[in-house]
Amino acid sequence: MKMRTLIPAMLITVAATGCATWDNMSSREKSAATGAAVGGVAGAVVTDGGILGTVGGAAIGGVIGDQLGKDRRR
């Protein structure tokens, strides 16, 4: 993935995250959403923008974030 594509994609991800109803989410939900966003970007970078890599990275990142956030309190 070229930097011309990666930087706008990351900016859109950060902007969309800011628009979410973050205050009403539990710590576990926040961790899962963050993990999915990071995993999706990482999957896209590793597979050079491949859809399967992006979706797979988001799924794996979401699961990891969910498990890491399950022990935290709100």
N, C-alpha and C. Protein backbone atom coordinates (compact mmCIF):
# COMPACT_ATOMS: atom_id res chain seq x y z
N MET A 1 0.85 -1.17 0.00
CA MET A 1 0.00 0.00 0.00
C MET A 1 0.90 1.23 0.00
N LYS A 2 0.59 2.16 -0.83
CA LYS A 2 1.38 3.38 -0.92
C LYS A 2 1.03 4.33 0.21
N MET A 3 1.98 5.18 0.56
CA MET A 3 1.75 6.15 1.63
C MET A 3 0.63 7.12 1.28
N ARG A 4 0.44 7.40 -0.01
CA ARG A 4 -0.64 8.29 -0.42
C ARG A 4 -2.00 7.70 -0.10
N THR A 5 -2.08 6.39 -0.01
CA THR A 5 -3.33 5.73 0.35
C THR A 5 -3.43 5.48 1.85
N LEU A 6 -2.31 5.15 2.47
CA LEU A 6 -2.30 4.79 3.89
C LEU A 6 -2.64 5.97 4.79
N ILE A 7 -2.05 7.12 4.53
CA ILE A 7 -2.27 8.27 5.41
C ILE A 7 -3.74 8.73 5.39
N PRO A 8 -4.37 8.90 4.23
CA PRO A 8 -5.80 9.26 4.27
C PRO A 8 -6.67 8.19 4.93
N ALA A 9 -6.33 6.92 4.73
CA ALA A 9 -7.11 5.85 5.36
C ALA A 9 -7.01 5.93 6.88
N MET A 10 -5.83 6.22 7.38
CA MET A 10 -5.66 6.34 8.83
C MET A 10 -6.40 7.57 9.36
N LEU A 11 -6.37 8.66 8.63
CA LEU A 11 -7.08 9.87 9.06
C LEU A 11 -8.59 9.64 9.09
N ILE A 12 -9.11 8.94 8.10
CA ILE A 12 -10.55 8.64 8.07
C ILE A 12 -10.92 7.74 9.24
N THR A 13 -10.06 6.77 9.55
CA THR A 13 -10.32 5.88 10.68
C THR A 13 -10.37 6.65 11.99
N VAL A 14 -9.43 7.55 12.19
CA VAL A 14 -9.41 8.35 13.42
C VAL A 14 -10.64 9.26 13.49
N ALA A 15 -11.01 9.86 12.37
CA ALA A 15 -12.18 10.75 12.36
C ALA A 15 -13.46 9.97 12.64
N ALA A 16 -13.59 8.79 12.06
CA ALA A 16 -14.79 7.99 12.28
C ALA A 16 -14.88 7.51 13.72
N THR A 17 -13.74 7.20 14.31
CA THR A 17 -13.73 6.78 15.71
C THR A 17 -14.20 7.91 16.61
N GLY A 18 -13.83 9.13 16.29
CA GLY A 18 -14.25 10.27 17.09
C GLY A 18 -15.75 10.54 17.01
N CYS A 19 -16.40 10.08 15.95
CA CYS A 19 -17.83 10.31 15.79
C CYS A 19 -18.68 9.25 16.48
N ALA A 20 -18.07 8.18 16.92
CA ALA A 20 -18.81 7.10 17.54
C ALA A 20 -19.31 7.51 18.93
N THR A 21 -20.26 6.77 19.43
CA THR A 21 -20.77 7.03 20.78
C THR A 21 -19.85 6.35 21.79
N TRP A 22 -18.67 6.85 21.90
CA TRP A 22 -17.61 6.27 22.72
C TRP A 22 -17.96 6.30 24.20
N ASP A 23 -18.68 7.33 24.65
CA ASP A 23 -18.96 7.48 26.08
C ASP A 23 -19.88 6.39 26.62
N ASN A 24 -20.75 5.86 25.80
CA ASN A 24 -21.71 4.85 26.25
C ASN A 24 -21.19 3.42 26.11
N MET A 25 -19.95 3.27 25.67
CA MET A 25 -19.40 1.94 25.46
C MET A 25 -18.64 1.47 26.70
N SER A 26 -18.66 0.18 26.93
CA SER A 26 -17.87 -0.38 28.03
C SER A 26 -16.40 -0.44 27.62
N SER A 27 -15.55 -0.68 28.57
CA SER A 27 -14.12 -0.78 28.29
C SER A 27 -13.83 -1.91 27.31
N ARG A 28 -14.56 -2.98 27.46
CA ARG A 28 -14.37 -4.13 26.57
C ARG A 28 -14.77 -3.80 25.13
N GLU A 29 -15.87 -3.07 24.97
CA GLU A 29 -16.31 -2.66 23.64
C GLU A 29 -15.33 -1.67 23.02
N LYS A 30 -14.81 -0.76 23.82
CA LYS A 30 -13.83 0.20 23.32
C LYS A 30 -12.56 -0.52 22.86
N SER A 31 -12.12 -1.48 23.64
CA SER A 31 -10.92 -2.23 23.28
C SER A 31 -11.14 -3.04 22.01
N ALA A 32 -12.32 -3.62 21.86
CA ALA A 32 -12.61 -4.40 20.65
C ALA A 32 -12.66 -3.51 19.42
N ALA A 33 -13.27 -2.33 19.54
CA ALA A 33 -13.35 -1.41 18.40
C ALA A 33 -11.96 -0.90 18.01
N THR A 34 -11.16 -0.58 19.00
CA THR A 34 -9.80 -0.11 18.72
C THR A 34 -8.97 -1.22 18.10
N GLY A 35 -9.10 -2.42 18.63
CA GLY A 35 -8.37 -3.55 18.06
C GLY A 35 -8.77 -3.85 16.63
N ALA A 36 -10.07 -3.74 16.34
CA ALA A 36 -10.53 -3.98 14.98
C ALA A 36 -9.99 -2.92 14.02
N ALA A 37 -9.97 -1.67 14.45
CA ALA A 37 -9.45 -0.60 13.59
C ALA A 37 -7.96 -0.79 13.32
N VAL A 38 -7.20 -1.06 14.37
CA VAL A 38 -5.76 -1.25 14.21
C VAL A 38 -5.48 -2.51 13.38
N GLY A 39 -6.21 -3.57 13.66
CA GLY A 39 -6.02 -4.82 12.91
C GLY A 39 -6.38 -4.67 11.44
N GLY A 40 -7.44 -3.91 11.15
CA GLY A 40 -7.82 -3.69 9.76
C GLY A 40 -6.76 -2.91 9.00
N VAL A 41 -6.22 -1.89 9.61
CA VAL A 41 -5.16 -1.11 8.96
C VAL A 41 -3.91 -1.97 8.79
N ALA A 42 -3.55 -2.72 9.82
CA ALA A 42 -2.37 -3.59 9.73
C ALA A 42 -2.56 -4.66 8.65
N GLY A 43 -3.74 -5.24 8.59
CA GLY A 43 -4.01 -6.25 7.57
C GLY A 43 -3.95 -5.68 6.17
N ALA A 44 -4.43 -4.46 6.01
CA ALA A 44 -4.37 -3.80 4.70
C ALA A 44 -2.94 -3.51 4.29
N VAL A 45 -2.13 -3.09 5.25
CA VAL A 45 -0.73 -2.78 4.94
C VAL A 45 0.03 -4.06 4.58
N VAL A 46 -0.17 -5.11 5.36
CA VAL A 46 0.56 -6.36 5.12
C VAL A 46 0.18 -6.98 3.78
N THR A 47 -1.09 -6.94 3.42
CA THR A 47 -1.54 -7.58 2.17
C THR A 47 -1.62 -6.61 1.01
N ASP A 48 -1.06 -5.42 1.17
CA ASP A 48 -1.04 -4.40 0.12
C ASP A 48 -2.45 -4.05 -0.34
N GLY A 49 -3.34 -3.88 0.62
CA GLY A 49 -4.70 -3.44 0.33
C GLY A 49 -5.67 -4.56 -0.01
N GLY A 50 -5.28 -5.80 0.23
CA GLY A 50 -6.17 -6.92 -0.07
C GLY A 50 -7.37 -6.94 0.87
N ILE A 51 -8.53 -7.26 0.31
CA ILE A 51 -9.76 -7.24 1.10
C ILE A 51 -9.74 -8.34 2.16
N LEU A 52 -9.30 -9.50 1.81
CA LEU A 52 -9.27 -10.61 2.77
C LEU A 52 -8.33 -10.30 3.93
N GLY A 53 -7.18 -9.70 3.64
CA GLY A 53 -6.25 -9.33 4.69
C GLY A 53 -6.79 -8.24 5.59
N THR A 54 -7.50 -7.28 4.99
CA THR A 54 -8.08 -6.19 5.78
C THR A 54 -9.17 -6.70 6.71
N VAL A 55 -10.07 -7.50 6.18
CA VAL A 55 -11.16 -8.05 6.99
C VAL A 55 -10.62 -9.02 8.02
N GLY A 56 -9.67 -9.84 7.62
CA GLY A 56 -9.07 -10.79 8.57
C GLY A 56 -8.34 -10.08 9.69
N GLY A 57 -7.60 -9.03 9.34
CA GLY A 57 -6.90 -8.25 10.37
C GLY A 57 -7.86 -7.58 11.32
N ALA A 58 -8.96 -7.06 10.79
CA ALA A 58 -9.97 -6.42 11.65
C ALA A 58 -10.61 -7.45 12.58
N ALA A 59 -10.90 -8.62 12.07
CA ALA A 59 -11.52 -9.66 12.90
C ALA A 59 -10.57 -10.11 14.01
N ILE A 60 -9.33 -10.36 13.64
CA ILE A 60 -8.35 -10.81 14.64
C ILE A 60 -8.08 -9.71 15.65
N GLY A 61 -7.94 -8.47 15.18
CA GLY A 61 -7.71 -7.35 16.08
C GLY A 61 -8.88 -7.12 17.03
N GLY A 62 -10.09 -7.30 16.53
CA GLY A 62 -11.28 -7.16 17.37
C GLY A 62 -11.33 -8.19 18.48
N VAL A 63 -10.98 -9.41 18.15
CA VAL A 63 -10.98 -10.48 19.15
C VAL A 63 -9.90 -10.23 20.20
N ILE A 64 -8.72 -9.84 19.74
CA ILE A 64 -7.63 -9.56 20.68
C ILE A 64 -8.01 -8.38 21.59
N GLY A 65 -8.54 -7.32 21.00
CA GLY A 65 -8.96 -6.17 21.80
C GLY A 65 -10.04 -6.52 22.80
N ASP A 66 -10.97 -7.36 22.38
CA ASP A 66 -12.04 -7.79 23.28
C ASP A 66 -11.48 -8.55 24.48
N GLN A 67 -10.54 -9.44 24.22
CA GLN A 67 -9.96 -10.23 25.31
C GLN A 67 -9.10 -9.38 26.23
N LEU A 68 -8.38 -8.42 25.67
CA LEU A 68 -7.56 -7.54 26.51
C LEU A 68 -8.42 -6.61 27.35
N GLY A 69 -9.56 -6.20 26.85
CA GLY A 69 -10.42 -5.27 27.56
C GLY A 69 -11.39 -5.90 28.53
N LYS A 70 -11.45 -7.22 28.56
CA LYS A 70 -12.45 -7.87 29.40
C LYS A 70 -12.17 -7.75 30.88
N ASP A 71 -10.94 -7.57 31.28
CA ASP A 71 -10.61 -7.47 32.70
C ASP A 71 -10.61 -6.03 33.21
N ARG A 72 -10.72 -5.08 32.33
CA ARG A 72 -10.72 -3.67 32.74
C ARG A 72 -12.11 -3.24 33.18
N ARG A 73 -12.12 -2.31 34.06
CA ARG A 73 -13.40 -1.74 34.51
C ARG A 73 -13.69 -0.49 33.70
N ARG A 74 -14.91 -0.08 33.66
CA ARG A 74 -15.36 1.09 32.92
C ARG A 74 -14.64 2.29 33.40
